[in-house]
Amino acid sequence: VVLRGMAPDCDLVSLKVLADLGGGDTRTSSVAMITAIDYIINEVNVARGPLQIHGLNISLGTDWLANV
């Protein structure tokens, strides 16, 4: 039995928007996020024909208690 997920022919693209500040601390900015989205729109999906990237997932998390 071969198990396959929801989108077995899907390729994933990963763009780094977090800067490593050392000590396990990372940070991003709205500029980094917008630059990544702009790259997808204007560099990857620029050719005529089928879109290369069809969706976008932005998952950001933080340790809220440590920031109080």
PDB file of N, CA and C in Angstrom:
ATOM      1  N   VAL A   1       0.853  -1.169   0.000  1.00  0.00           N
ATOM      2  CA  VAL A   1       0.000   0.000   0.000  1.00  0.00           C
ATOM      3  C   VAL A   1       0.897   1.230   0.000  1.00  0.00           C
ATOM      4  N   VAL A   2       0.635   2.127  -0.939  1.00  0.00           N
ATOM      5  CA  VAL A   2       1.369   3.388  -1.014  1.00  0.00           C
ATOM      6  C   VAL A   2       0.449   4.500  -0.535  1.00  0.00           C
ATOM      7  N   LEU A   3       0.890   5.209   0.475  1.00  0.00           N
ATOM      8  CA  LEU A   3       0.111   6.331   1.001  1.00  0.00           C
ATOM      9  C   LEU A   3       0.594   7.618   0.358  1.00  0.00           C
ATOM     10  N   ARG A   4      -0.341   8.440  -0.055  1.00  0.00           N
ATOM     11  CA  ARG A   4       0.000   9.724  -0.656  1.00  0.00           C
ATOM     12  C   ARG A   4      -0.794  10.808   0.040  1.00  0.00           C
ATOM     13  N   GLY A   5      -0.214  11.983   0.139  1.00  0.00           N
ATOM     14  CA  GLY A   5      -0.872  13.101   0.800  1.00  0.00           C
ATOM     15  C   GLY A   5      -1.855  13.828  -0.101  1.00  0.00           C
ATOM     16  N   MET A   6      -2.296  14.986   0.346  1.00  0.00           N
ATOM     17  CA  MET A   6      -3.286  15.795  -0.372  1.00  0.00           C
ATOM     18  C   MET A   6      -2.807  16.248  -1.743  1.00  0.00           C
ATOM     19  N   ALA A   7      -1.549  16.614  -1.853  1.00  0.00           N
ATOM     20  CA  ALA A   7      -1.001  17.131  -3.113  1.00  0.00           C
ATOM     21  C   ALA A   7       0.312  16.407  -3.409  1.00  0.00           C
ATOM     22  N   PRO A   8       0.237  15.159  -3.839  1.00  0.00           N
ATOM     23  CA  PRO A   8       1.458  14.362  -4.003  1.00  0.00           C
ATOM     24  C   PRO A   8       2.404  14.884  -5.086  1.00  0.00           C
ATOM     25  N   ASP A   9       1.917  15.645  -6.043  1.00  0.00           N
ATOM     26  CA  ASP A   9       2.771  16.170  -7.110  1.00  0.00           C
ATOM     27  C   ASP A   9       3.236  17.598  -6.832  1.00  0.00           C
ATOM     28  N   CYS A  10       2.978  18.075  -5.642  1.00  0.00           N
ATOM     29  CA  CYS A  10       3.318  19.440  -5.261  1.00  0.00           C
ATOM     30  C   CYS A  10       4.807  19.560  -4.951  1.00  0.00           C
ATOM     31  N   ASP A  11       5.409  20.631  -5.392  1.00  0.00           N
ATOM     32  CA  ASP A  11       6.775  20.977  -4.997  1.00  0.00           C
ATOM     33  C   ASP A  11       6.690  22.161  -4.041  1.00  0.00           C
ATOM     34  N   LEU A  12       7.504  22.156  -3.007  1.00  0.00           N
ATOM     35  CA  LEU A  12       7.493  23.242  -2.033  1.00  0.00           C
ATOM     36  C   LEU A  12       8.660  24.188  -2.287  1.00  0.00           C
ATOM     37  N   VAL A  13       8.410  25.469  -2.107  1.00  0.00           N
ATOM     38  CA  VAL A  13       9.437  26.497  -2.235  1.00  0.00           C
ATOM     39  C   VAL A  13       9.544  27.171  -0.872  1.00  0.00           C
ATOM     40  N   SER A  14      10.754  27.292  -0.371  1.00  0.00           N
ATOM     41  CA  SER A  14      10.965  27.900   0.940  1.00  0.00           C
ATOM     42  C   SER A  14      11.787  29.170   0.777  1.00  0.00           C
ATOM     43  N   LEU A  15      11.295  30.273   1.322  1.00  0.00           N
ATOM     44  CA  LEU A  15      12.022  31.534   1.304  1.00  0.00           C
ATOM     45  C   LEU A  15      12.294  31.955   2.736  1.00  0.00           C
ATOM     46  N   LYS A  16      13.549  32.257   3.040  1.00  0.00           N
ATOM     47  CA  LYS A  16      13.930  32.629   4.399  1.00  0.00           C
ATOM     48  C   LYS A  16      13.658  34.111   4.645  1.00  0.00           C
ATOM     49  N   VAL A  17      12.879  34.397   5.675  1.00  0.00           N
ATOM     50  CA  VAL A  17      12.589  35.781   6.043  1.00  0.00           C
ATOM     51  C   VAL A  17      12.966  36.074   7.495  1.00  0.00           C
ATOM     52  N   LEU A  18      13.560  35.106   8.179  1.00  0.00           N
ATOM     53  CA  LEU A  18      13.974  35.292   9.569  1.00  0.00           C
ATOM     54  C   LEU A  18      15.486  35.481   9.649  1.00  0.00           C
ATOM     55  N   ALA A  19      15.921  36.469  10.399  1.00  0.00           N
ATOM     56  CA  ALA A  19      17.342  36.700  10.643  1.00  0.00           C
ATOM     57  C   ALA A  19      17.703  36.077  11.983  1.00  0.00           C
ATOM     58  N   ASP A  20      18.811  35.340  12.022  1.00  0.00           N
ATOM     59  CA  ASP A  20      19.285  34.720  13.257  1.00  0.00           C
ATOM     60  C   ASP A  20      20.091  35.759  14.037  1.00  0.00           C
ATOM     61  N   LEU A  21      19.600  36.130  15.210  1.00  0.00           N
ATOM     62  CA  LEU A  21      20.268  37.128  16.043  1.00  0.00           C
ATOM     63  C   LEU A  21      21.194  36.500  17.073  1.00  0.00           C
ATOM     64  N   GLY A  22      21.288  35.173  17.064  1.00  0.00           N
ATOM     65  CA  GLY A  22      22.123  34.475  18.034  1.00  0.00           C
ATOM     66  C   GLY A  22      21.353  34.163  19.297  1.00  0.00           C
ATOM     67  N   GLY A  23      21.807  33.171  20.012  1.00  0.00           N
ATOM     68  CA  GLY A  23      21.161  32.782  21.253  1.00  0.00           C
ATOM     69  C   GLY A  23      19.763  32.237  21.061  1.00  0.00           C
ATOM     70  N   GLY A  24      19.463  31.747  19.880  1.00  0.00           N
ATOM     71  CA  GLY A  24      18.136  31.208  19.601  1.00  0.00           C
ATOM     72  C   GLY A  24      17.104  32.267  19.269  1.00  0.00           C
ATOM     73  N   ASP A  25      17.528  33.528  19.199  1.00  0.00           N
ATOM     74  CA  ASP A  25      16.603  34.630  18.914  1.00  0.00           C
ATOM     75  C   ASP A  25      16.579  34.909  17.413  1.00  0.00           C
ATOM     76  N   THR A  26      15.400  35.001  16.852  1.00  0.00           N
ATOM     77  CA  THR A  26      15.246  35.347  15.435  1.00  0.00           C
ATOM     78  C   THR A  26      14.296  36.519  15.306  1.00  0.00           C
ATOM     79  N   ARG A  27      14.411  37.215  14.193  1.00  0.00           N
ATOM     80  CA  ARG A  27      13.549  38.372  13.971  1.00  0.00           C
ATOM     81  C   ARG A  27      13.300  38.524  12.480  1.00  0.00           C
ATOM     82  N   THR A  28      12.147  39.077  12.135  1.00  0.00           N
ATOM     83  CA  THR A  28      11.833  39.409  10.754  1.00  0.00           C
ATOM     84  C   THR A  28      11.234  40.806  10.718  1.00  0.00           C
ATOM     85  N   SER A  29      10.940  41.273   9.520  1.00  0.00           N
ATOM     86  CA  SER A  29      10.337  42.588   9.368  1.00  0.00           C
ATOM     87  C   SER A  29       9.296  42.533   8.262  1.00  0.00           C
ATOM     88  N   SER A  30       8.448  43.530   8.229  1.00  0.00           N
ATOM     89  CA  SER A  30       7.461  43.583   7.155  1.00  0.00           C
ATOM     90  C   SER A  30       8.168  43.721   5.808  1.00  0.00           C
ATOM     91  N   VAL A  31       9.308  44.397   5.768  1.00  0.00           N
ATOM     92  CA  VAL A  31      10.066  44.544   4.524  1.00  0.00           C
ATOM     93  C   VAL A  31      10.537  43.182   4.017  1.00  0.00           C
ATOM     94  N   ALA A  32      11.021  42.328   4.905  1.00  0.00           N
ATOM     95  CA  ALA A  32      11.462  40.991   4.498  1.00  0.00           C
ATOM     96  C   ALA A  32      10.304  40.171   3.949  1.00  0.00           C
ATOM     97  N   MET A  33       9.137  40.275   4.591  1.00  0.00           N
ATOM     98  CA  MET A  33       7.960  39.539   4.124  1.00  0.00           C
ATOM     99  C   MET A  33       7.506  40.041   2.759  1.00  0.00           C
ATOM    100  N   ILE A  34       7.424  41.352   2.595  1.00  0.00           N
ATOM    101  CA  ILE A  34       6.992  41.937   1.329  1.00  0.00           C
ATOM    102  C   ILE A  34       7.993  41.614   0.221  1.00  0.00           C
ATOM    103  N   THR A  35       9.279  41.635   0.525  1.00  0.00           N
ATOM    104  CA  THR A  35      10.304  41.298  -0.468  1.00  0.00           C
ATOM    105  C   THR A  35      10.152  39.866  -0.944  1.00  0.00           C
ATOM    106  N   ALA A  36       9.864  38.939  -0.044  1.00  0.00           N
ATOM    107  CA  ALA A  36       9.664  37.532  -0.423  1.00  0.00           C
ATOM    108  C   ALA A  36       8.434  37.377  -1.314  1.00  0.00           C
ATOM    109  N   ILE A  37       7.338  38.032  -0.960  1.00  0.00           N
ATOM    110  CA  ILE A  37       6.115  37.961  -1.770  1.00  0.00           C
ATOM    111  C   ILE A  37       6.342  38.607  -3.136  1.00  0.00           C
ATOM    112  N   ASP A  38       7.050  39.742  -3.162  1.00  0.00           N
ATOM    113  CA  ASP A  38       7.371  40.412  -4.419  1.00  0.00           C
ATOM    114  C   ASP A  38       8.228  39.509  -5.312  1.00  0.00           C
ATOM    115  N   TYR A  39       9.167  38.782  -4.720  1.00  0.00           N
ATOM    116  CA  TYR A  39      10.001  37.841  -5.477  1.00  0.00           C
ATOM    117  C   TYR A  39       9.138  36.772  -6.153  1.00  0.00           C
ATOM    118  N   ILE A  40       8.175  36.232  -5.423  1.00  0.00           N
ATOM    119  CA  ILE A  40       7.290  35.210  -5.989  1.00  0.00           C
ATOM    120  C   ILE A  40       6.499  35.777  -7.173  1.00  0.00           C
ATOM    121  N   ILE A  41       5.962  36.971  -7.000  1.00  0.00           N
ATOM    122  CA  ILE A  41       5.121  37.573  -8.042  1.00  0.00           C
ATOM    123  C   ILE A  41       5.941  37.986  -9.260  1.00  0.00           C
ATOM    124  N   ASN A  42       7.069  38.650  -9.045  1.00  0.00           N
ATOM    125  CA  ASN A  42       7.790  39.287 -10.139  1.00  0.00           C
ATOM    126  C   ASN A  42       8.977  38.506 -10.683  1.00  0.00           C
ATOM    127  N   GLU A  43       9.430  37.479  -9.991  1.00  0.00           N
ATOM    128  CA  GLU A  43      10.560  36.688 -10.475  1.00  0.00           C
ATOM    129  C   GLU A  43      10.155  35.259 -10.836  1.00  0.00           C
ATOM    130  N   VAL A  44       9.372  34.633  -9.990  1.00  0.00           N
ATOM    131  CA  VAL A  44       9.009  33.230 -10.204  1.00  0.00           C
ATOM    132  C   VAL A  44       7.815  33.106 -11.147  1.00  0.00           C
ATOM    133  N   ASN A  45       6.771  33.868 -10.916  1.00  0.00           N
ATOM    134  CA  ASN A  45       5.541  33.763 -11.711  1.00  0.00           C
ATOM    135  C   ASN A  45       5.484  34.784 -12.847  1.00  0.00           C
ATOM    136  N   VAL A  46       6.622  35.201 -13.353  1.00  0.00           N
ATOM    137  CA  VAL A  46       6.661  36.252 -14.357  1.00  0.00           C
ATOM    138  C   VAL A  46       6.354  35.735 -15.772  1.00  0.00           C
ATOM    139  N   ALA A  47       6.658  34.489 -16.073  1.00  0.00           N
ATOM    140  CA  ALA A  47       6.478  33.952 -17.429  1.00  0.00           C
ATOM    141  C   ALA A  47       5.006  33.733 -17.745  1.00  0.00           C
ATOM    142  N   ARG A  48       4.664  33.872 -19.029  1.00  0.00           N
ATOM    143  CA  ARG A  48       3.307  33.542 -19.461  1.00  0.00           C
ATOM    144  C   ARG A  48       3.117  32.044 -19.339  1.00  0.00           C
ATOM    145  N   GLY A  49       1.910  31.648 -19.110  1.00  0.00           N
ATOM    146  CA  GLY A  49       1.623  30.227 -18.974  1.00  0.00           C
ATOM    147  C   GLY A  49       1.182  29.910 -17.566  1.00  0.00           C
ATOM    148  N   PRO A  50       1.208  28.643 -17.218  1.00  0.00           N
ATOM    149  CA  PRO A  50       0.750  28.239 -15.882  1.00  0.00           C
ATOM    150  C   PRO A  50       1.584  28.873 -14.771  1.00  0.00           C
ATOM    151  N   LEU A  51       0.911  29.237 -13.688  1.00  0.00           N
ATOM    152  CA  LEU A  51       1.629  29.755 -12.526  1.00  0.00           C
ATOM    153  C   LEU A  51       2.573  28.697 -11.981  1.00  0.00           C
ATOM    154  N   GLN A  52       3.718  29.122 -11.520  1.00  0.00           N
ATOM    155  CA  GLN A  52       4.667  28.202 -10.893  1.00  0.00           C
ATOM    156  C   GLN A  52       4.345  28.025  -9.407  1.00  0.00           C
ATOM    157  N   ILE A  53       3.917  29.102  -8.778  1.00  0.00           N
ATOM    158  CA  ILE A  53       3.513  29.052  -7.370  1.00  0.00           C
ATOM    159  C   ILE A  53       2.048  29.460  -7.308  1.00  0.00           C
ATOM    160  N   HIS A  54       1.216  28.581  -6.740  1.00  0.00           N
ATOM    161  CA  HIS A  54      -0.233  28.787  -6.711  1.00  0.00           C
ATOM    162  C   HIS A  54      -0.752  29.252  -5.358  1.00  0.00           C
ATOM    163  N   GLY A  55       0.023  29.110  -4.326  1.00  0.00           N
ATOM    164  CA  GLY A  55      -0.449  29.458  -2.990  1.00  0.00           C
ATOM    165  C   GLY A  55       0.709  29.889  -2.119  1.00  0.00           C
ATOM    166  N   LEU A  56       0.379  30.466  -0.989  1.00  0.00           N
ATOM    167  CA  LEU A  56       1.383  30.990  -0.077  1.00  0.00           C
ATOM    168  C   LEU A  56       0.927  30.721   1.349  1.00  0.00           C
ATOM    169  N   ASN A  57       1.826  30.192   2.148  1.00  0.00           N
ATOM    170  CA  ASN A  57       1.551  29.965   3.563  1.00  0.00           C
ATOM    171  C   ASN A  57       2.556  30.770   4.365  1.00  0.00           C
ATOM    172  N   ILE A  58       2.067  31.647   5.200  1.00  0.00           N
ATOM    173  CA  ILE A  58       2.940  32.423   6.082  1.00  0.00           C
ATOM    174  C   ILE A  58       2.625  31.999   7.510  1.00  0.00           C
ATOM    175  N   SER A  59       3.556  31.291   8.120  1.00  0.00           N
ATOM    176  CA  SER A  59       3.375  30.824   9.493  1.00  0.00           C
ATOM    177  C   SER A  59       4.428  31.494  10.365  1.00  0.00           C
ATOM    178  N   LEU A  60       3.994  32.379  11.212  1.00  0.00           N
ATOM    179  CA  LEU A  60       4.901  33.072  12.125  1.00  0.00           C
ATOM    180  C   LEU A  60       4.455  32.778  13.546  1.00  0.00           C
ATOM    181  N   GLY A  61       5.403  32.586  14.420  1.00  0.00           N
ATOM    182  CA  GLY A  61       5.066  32.307  15.805  1.00  0.00           C
ATOM    183  C   GLY A  61       5.987  33.063  16.733  1.00  0.00           C
ATOM    184  N   THR A  62       5.562  33.179  17.949  1.00  0.00           N
ATOM    185  CA  THR A  62       6.386  33.858  18.939  1.00  0.00           C
ATOM    186  C   THR A  62       6.091  33.274  20.318  1.00  0.00           C
ATOM    187  N   ASP A  63       7.016  33.462  21.207  1.00  0.00           N
ATOM    188  CA  ASP A  63       6.839  33.078  22.598  1.00  0.00           C
ATOM    189  C   ASP A  63       6.258  34.285  23.323  1.00  0.00           C
ATOM    190  N   TRP A  64       4.927  34.400  23.315  1.00  0.00           N
ATOM    191  CA  TRP A  64       4.264  35.605  23.818  1.00  0.00           C
ATOM    192  C   TRP A  64       4.601  35.906  25.279  1.00  0.00           C
ATOM    193  N   LEU A  65       4.729  34.898  26.084  1.00  0.00           N
ATOM    194  CA  LEU A  65       4.999  35.144  27.506  1.00  0.00           C
ATOM    195  C   LEU A  65       6.368  35.776  27.731  1.00  0.00           C
ATOM    196  N   ALA A  66       7.331  35.452  26.871  1.00  0.00           N
ATOM    197  CA  ALA A  66       8.673  35.999  27.031  1.00  0.00           C
ATOM    198  C   ALA A  66       8.738  37.461  26.614  1.00  0.00           C
ATOM    199  N   ASN A  67       7.747  37.934  25.864  1.00  0.00           N
ATOM    200  CA  ASN A  67       7.766  39.308  25.373  1.00  0.00           C
ATOM    201  C   ASN A  67       6.958  40.266  26.229  1.00  0.00           C
ATOM    202  N   VAL A  68       6.476  39.818  27.369  1.00  0.00           N
ATOM    203  CA  VAL A  68       5.636  40.673  28.214  1.00  0.00           C
ATOM    204  C   VAL A  68       6.514  41.587  29.039  1.00  0.00           C
TER     205      VAL A  68
END
